[in-house]
């Protein structure tokens, strides 16, 4: 199979969405909503390279950035290395994973820095039924009772900020999570706030990697990357004259954000390979 990868770029959303509807099917409105996210996406799958290239050519004429790829390209995206600590050297960044293994990333080889954000949400619905017994009726030998059910909904949302550092030649991807990093590598610039340290690290990296393109689309669009349910837990508790049922559903769009980052990587490699 072959797919057509599209990057919205500077295309007019109305004209581009109409071109997508005419070329790959679907409604122009739905395509427009996808384009407005500003993220790369797979617009179509085709059986042959010729069919995929024809679709990509038509979309390119409509002002979009479009490429045709064999689906094996997605398998060649490097795995993500989760860094836990870092140290700056004059020409490279030394990264340590959770086991303490070191990886050196030449700063001149960094081709793309993705600022990203994932959302984690959970919603718990609790229904509690309480029974009240009328003591007067009970004394008369008629144990009449009355039930009352209350329903409470508690929703929590938190975000996870992280950056993906893509190195080209050799290909490598490093994930720098705001809340999981040891910021000792900042030296005297380190402060108590993880958010301040994280932003300082990104600023230093972006300054040290002049050949890298910085993309913040995944940071801006995290709330619009559809989450997927990751866990459902039903808890029943019973007490004297009362019972409770709690139903919790968790949602997490980390996997969707990481897949979009893989597409950003493929787009960047295609841009760099384009004849100048």
Protein backbone atom coordinates (compact mmCIF):
# COMPACT_ATOMS: atom_id res chain seq x y z
CA UNK A 1 0.00 0.00 0.00
CA UNK A 2 0.99 3.61 -0.54
CA UNK A 3 -0.22 6.71 1.23
CA UNK A 4 -0.42 10.42 0.53
CA UNK A 5 0.93 12.58 3.34
CA UNK A 6 -0.25 16.18 3.47
CA UNK A 7 1.12 19.17 5.36
CA UNK A 8 -1.31 22.13 5.43
CA UNK A 9 1.42 24.73 4.95
CA UNK A 10 0.18 28.13 3.79
CA UNK A 11 -2.64 26.81 1.63
CA UNK A 12 -6.01 28.54 1.68
CA UNK A 13 -8.23 26.27 3.87
CA UNK A 14 -11.34 26.74 1.72
CA UNK A 15 -9.64 25.92 -1.59
CA UNK A 16 -7.54 23.13 -0.09
CA UNK A 17 -10.51 21.46 1.62
CA UNK A 18 -12.48 21.58 -1.64
CA UNK A 19 -9.53 19.98 -3.46
CA UNK A 20 -9.32 17.24 -0.85
CA UNK A 21 -13.03 16.52 -1.14
CA UNK A 22 -12.80 16.31 -4.94
CA UNK A 23 -9.66 14.18 -4.92
CA UNK A 24 -9.99 11.77 -2.01
CA UNK A 25 -13.69 12.02 -1.18
CA UNK A 26 -15.46 13.06 1.99
CA UNK A 27 -16.90 16.42 2.90
CA UNK A 28 -15.11 19.74 2.48
CA UNK A 29 -16.13 20.80 6.01
CA UNK A 30 -14.49 17.77 7.63
CA UNK A 31 -11.31 18.30 5.60
CA UNK A 32 -11.26 21.95 6.61
CA UNK A 33 -11.37 21.05 10.30
CA UNK A 34 -8.38 18.74 9.83
CA UNK A 35 -6.46 21.43 7.94
CA UNK A 36 -7.10 24.01 10.65
CA UNK A 37 -5.21 21.86 13.17
CA UNK A 38 -2.06 22.69 11.25
CA UNK A 39 -0.76 19.13 11.59
CA UNK A 40 0.39 16.74 8.86
CA UNK A 41 -2.05 13.94 8.13
CA UNK A 42 -2.51 10.95 5.83
CA UNK A 43 -5.07 12.03 3.26
CA UNK A 44 -5.42 8.84 1.22
CA UNK A 45 -4.23 5.27 0.76
CA UNK A 46 -3.72 3.88 -2.74
CA UNK A 47 -2.77 0.47 -4.14
CA UNK A 48 -0.04 1.60 -6.52
CA UNK A 49 2.70 4.25 -6.48
CA UNK A 50 1.28 5.83 -9.65
CA UNK A 51 -2.14 6.35 -8.02
CA UNK A 52 -0.59 7.85 -4.88
CA UNK A 53 1.68 10.16 -6.88
CA UNK A 54 -1.29 11.34 -8.97
CA UNK A 55 -3.23 12.29 -5.82
CA UNK A 56 -0.17 14.05 -4.35
CA UNK A 57 0.35 16.02 -7.58
CA UNK A 58 -3.27 17.21 -7.62
CA UNK A 59 -3.14 18.32 -3.99
CA UNK A 60 0.18 20.08 -4.56
CA UNK A 61 -1.42 22.09 -7.36
CA UNK A 62 -4.10 23.15 -4.85
CA UNK A 63 -1.40 24.74 -2.66
CA UNK A 64 -0.86 21.90 -0.19
CA UNK A 65 2.42 20.13 0.52
CA UNK A 66 1.76 16.53 -0.46
CA UNK A 67 4.00 13.49 -0.92
CA UNK A 68 3.43 9.87 -1.88
CA UNK A 69 5.13 7.22 0.25
CA UNK A 70 5.24 3.47 0.58
CA UNK A 71 3.72 2.55 3.95
CA UNK A 72 7.06 0.99 4.99
CA UNK A 73 8.31 4.55 5.53
CA UNK A 74 6.42 4.67 8.84
CA UNK A 75 8.31 1.59 10.03
CA UNK A 76 11.64 3.35 9.48
CA UNK A 77 10.92 6.21 11.88
CA UNK A 78 13.41 5.83 14.74
CA UNK A 79 12.10 4.70 18.14
CA UNK A 80 11.77 7.30 20.87
CA UNK A 81 14.45 7.43 23.56
CA UNK A 82 13.11 8.81 26.86
CA UNK A 83 15.79 10.98 28.45
CA UNK A 84 15.98 11.44 32.21
CA UNK A 85 19.07 13.67 32.44
CA UNK A 86 21.26 15.69 30.11
CA UNK A 87 24.63 17.41 29.93
CA UNK A 88 25.73 20.02 27.39
CA UNK A 89 29.10 19.69 25.66
CA UNK A 90 30.56 22.12 23.11
CA UNK A 91 29.39 20.12 20.10
CA UNK A 92 26.88 17.60 21.42
CA UNK A 93 24.18 16.91 24.00
CA UNK A 94 24.77 13.91 26.24
CA UNK A 95 21.56 12.20 27.32
CA UNK A 96 21.01 9.60 30.03
CA UNK A 97 18.04 7.25 30.03
CA UNK A 98 16.35 5.78 33.11
CA UNK A 99 18.99 3.04 33.35
CA UNK A 100 21.83 5.56 33.16
CA UNK A 101 22.91 4.59 29.64
CA UNK A 102 24.40 7.55 27.76
CA UNK A 103 23.65 8.69 24.21
CA UNK A 104 25.46 11.58 22.52
CA UNK A 105 23.49 13.70 20.04
CA UNK A 106 25.63 16.00 17.86
CA UNK A 107 23.98 19.42 17.95
CA UNK A 108 24.76 19.98 14.27
CA UNK A 109 22.77 16.83 13.41
CA UNK A 110 19.53 17.95 15.04
CA UNK A 111 17.12 18.57 12.18
CA UNK A 112 13.79 19.08 13.95
CA UNK A 113 12.70 20.14 17.42
CA UNK A 114 9.03 19.44 18.10
CA UNK A 115 7.41 21.20 21.01
CA UNK A 116 4.51 18.99 22.04
CA UNK A 117 1.81 18.63 24.64
CA UNK A 118 -0.42 15.69 25.53
CA UNK A 119 -3.65 15.79 27.51
CA UNK A 120 -4.67 13.29 30.19
CA UNK A 121 -8.27 13.42 31.39
CA UNK A 122 -10.45 11.28 33.62
CA UNK A 123 -14.12 11.48 34.47
CA UNK A 124 -15.61 9.70 37.46
CA UNK A 125 -19.36 9.34 37.83
CA UNK A 126 -20.58 8.22 41.24
CA UNK A 127 -24.16 7.21 41.95
CA UNK A 128 -25.06 6.76 45.62
CA UNK A 129 -28.35 5.29 46.75
CA UNK A 130 -29.42 5.81 50.34
CA UNK A 131 -32.38 4.12 51.98
CA UNK A 132 -34.32 5.79 54.74
CA UNK A 133 -36.48 3.69 57.03
CA UNK A 134 -39.48 5.33 58.75
CA UNK A 135 -39.05 4.41 62.39
CA UNK A 136 -42.71 5.04 63.18
CA UNK A 137 -43.81 2.58 60.56
CA UNK A 138 -41.13 0.14 61.71
CA UNK A 139 -42.55 0.27 65.27
CA UNK A 140 -45.95 -0.64 63.87
CA UNK A 141 -44.44 -3.65 62.14
CA UNK A 142 -44.53 -2.10 58.67
CA UNK A 143 -40.88 -1.54 57.60
CA UNK A 144 -41.54 1.11 54.95
CA UNK A 145 -38.42 2.58 53.33
CA UNK A 146 -37.68 5.36 50.88
CA UNK A 147 -34.71 5.52 48.48
CA UNK A 148 -32.84 8.56 47.21
CA UNK A 149 -30.16 8.43 44.52
CA UNK A 150 -27.61 11.20 43.98
CA UNK A 151 -25.22 11.49 41.04
CA UNK A 152 -21.86 13.30 41.11
CA UNK A 153 -19.46 13.84 38.21
CA UNK A 154 -15.80 14.71 38.82
CA UNK A 155 -13.60 15.51 35.83
CA UNK A 156 -9.87 16.17 36.02
CA UNK A 157 -7.55 17.25 33.20
CA UNK A 158 -3.80 17.70 33.20
CA UNK A 159 -1.27 18.24 30.47
CA UNK A 160 2.16 16.77 29.82
CA UNK A 161 4.62 19.03 28.04
CA UNK A 162 7.51 17.43 26.19
CA UNK A 163 9.84 18.05 23.29
CA UNK A 164 11.00 15.64 20.62
CA UNK A 165 14.53 16.10 19.34
CA UNK A 166 15.01 14.52 15.90
CA UNK A 167 18.59 13.87 14.83
CA UNK A 168 19.32 12.99 11.20
CA UNK A 169 22.28 10.88 10.07
CA UNK A 170 22.18 8.73 12.12
CA UNK A 171 18.45 8.98 12.75
CA UNK A 172 17.51 9.33 16.39
CA UNK A 173 14.55 10.67 18.32
CA UNK A 174 14.82 11.85 21.93
CA UNK A 175 11.91 12.75 24.18
CA UNK A 176 12.48 15.42 26.80
CA UNK A 177 9.56 15.43 29.23
CA UNK A 178 9.07 18.56 31.31
CA UNK A 179 8.13 16.69 34.50
CA UNK A 180 10.47 13.70 34.17
CA UNK A 181 13.79 15.46 33.59
CA UNK A 182 16.61 16.10 36.02
CA UNK A 183 17.64 19.68 35.24
CA UNK A 184 21.04 19.52 36.89
CA UNK A 185 22.51 19.91 33.40
CA UNK A 186 21.40 23.56 33.41
CA UNK A 187 23.99 24.30 36.09
CA UNK A 188 23.58 27.65 37.80
CA UNK A 189 20.59 28.46 35.61
CA UNK A 190 18.49 25.75 37.25
CA UNK A 191 15.62 26.96 39.44
CA UNK A 192 12.88 25.28 41.48
CA UNK A 193 10.16 25.49 38.81
CA UNK A 194 10.12 22.59 36.34
CA UNK A 195 8.24 24.74 33.81
CA UNK A 196 10.89 27.48 33.95
CA UNK A 197 13.70 24.92 33.67
CA UNK A 198 11.95 23.24 30.73
CA UNK A 199 11.58 26.50 28.82
CA UNK A 200 15.19 27.42 29.56
CA UNK A 201 16.34 24.03 28.21
CA UNK A 202 14.33 24.48 25.01
CA UNK A 203 15.65 28.00 24.48
CA UNK A 204 19.23 26.79 24.91
CA UNK A 205 18.69 23.84 22.57
CA UNK A 206 17.10 25.95 19.87
CA UNK A 207 19.99 28.42 20.07
CA UNK A 208 22.57 25.61 19.95
CA UNK A 209 20.97 23.90 16.92
CA UNK A 210 20.84 26.56 14.19
CA UNK A 211 20.22 23.92 11.53
CA UNK A 212 17.07 22.63 13.21
CA UNK A 213 13.54 23.62 12.35
CA UNK A 214 11.40 24.33 15.41
CA UNK A 215 7.78 23.21 15.13
CA UNK A 216 5.24 24.03 17.84
CA UNK A 217 2.13 22.73 16.04
CA UNK A 218 1.82 19.77 18.42
CA UNK A 219 2.01 22.12 21.38
CA UNK A 220 -0.76 24.35 20.04
CA UNK A 221 -3.03 21.57 18.79
CA UNK A 222 -2.83 19.01 21.60
CA UNK A 223 -6.38 19.73 22.70
CA UNK A 224 -7.60 19.06 19.15
CA UNK A 225 -5.83 15.74 18.67
CA UNK A 226 -8.60 13.22 19.41
CA UNK A 227 -7.95 11.29 22.63
CA UNK A 228 -8.68 7.60 23.04
CA UNK A 229 -10.17 5.84 26.10
CA UNK A 230 -7.38 4.05 27.92
CA UNK A 231 -9.05 2.65 31.03
CA UNK A 232 -12.51 1.97 32.40
CA UNK A 233 -12.95 1.06 36.06
CA UNK A 234 -16.24 0.31 37.78
CA UNK A 235 -16.15 0.24 41.57
CA UNK A 236 -19.09 -0.81 43.71
CA UNK A 237 -19.14 -0.19 47.43
CA UNK A 238 -21.99 -1.12 49.74
CA UNK A 239 -22.69 0.09 53.25
CA UNK A 240 -25.58 -0.21 55.65
CA UNK A 241 -28.63 1.44 54.06
CA UNK A 242 -26.54 2.86 51.19
CA UNK A 243 -24.71 1.74 48.07
CA UNK A 244 -22.37 3.49 45.65
CA UNK A 245 -21.33 2.77 42.09
CA UNK A 246 -18.33 4.66 40.63
CA UNK A 247 -17.52 4.53 36.95
CA UNK A 248 -14.21 6.07 35.80
CA UNK A 249 -13.18 6.60 32.20
CA UNK A 250 -9.68 7.86 31.40
CA UNK A 251 -8.64 9.50 28.13
CA UNK A 252 -5.13 10.07 26.87
CA UNK A 253 -4.03 11.45 23.50
CA UNK A 254 -0.29 10.80 23.96
CA UNK A 255 -0.23 8.05 21.31
CA UNK A 256 -2.08 10.27 18.84
CA UNK A 257 0.35 13.14 19.48
CA UNK A 258 3.35 10.85 19.02
CA UNK A 259 1.93 9.53 15.74
CA UNK A 260 1.50 13.10 14.51
CA UNK A 261 5.13 13.73 15.51
CA UNK A 262 6.19 10.76 13.38
CA UNK A 263 4.41 12.35 10.43
CA UNK A 264 6.18 15.66 11.14
CA UNK A 265 9.48 13.77 11.01
CA UNK A 266 8.58 12.19 7.66
CA UNK A 267 7.55 15.60 6.30
CA UNK A 268 10.82 17.17 7.43
CA UNK A 269 12.87 14.44 5.78
CA UNK A 270 10.88 14.90 2.56
CA UNK A 271 11.50 18.64 2.64
CA UNK A 272 15.23 18.15 3.15
CA UNK A 273 15.39 15.62 0.28
CA UNK A 274 13.56 17.94 -2.11
CA UNK A 275 15.81 19.26 -4.92
CA UNK A 276 16.78 22.90 -4.48
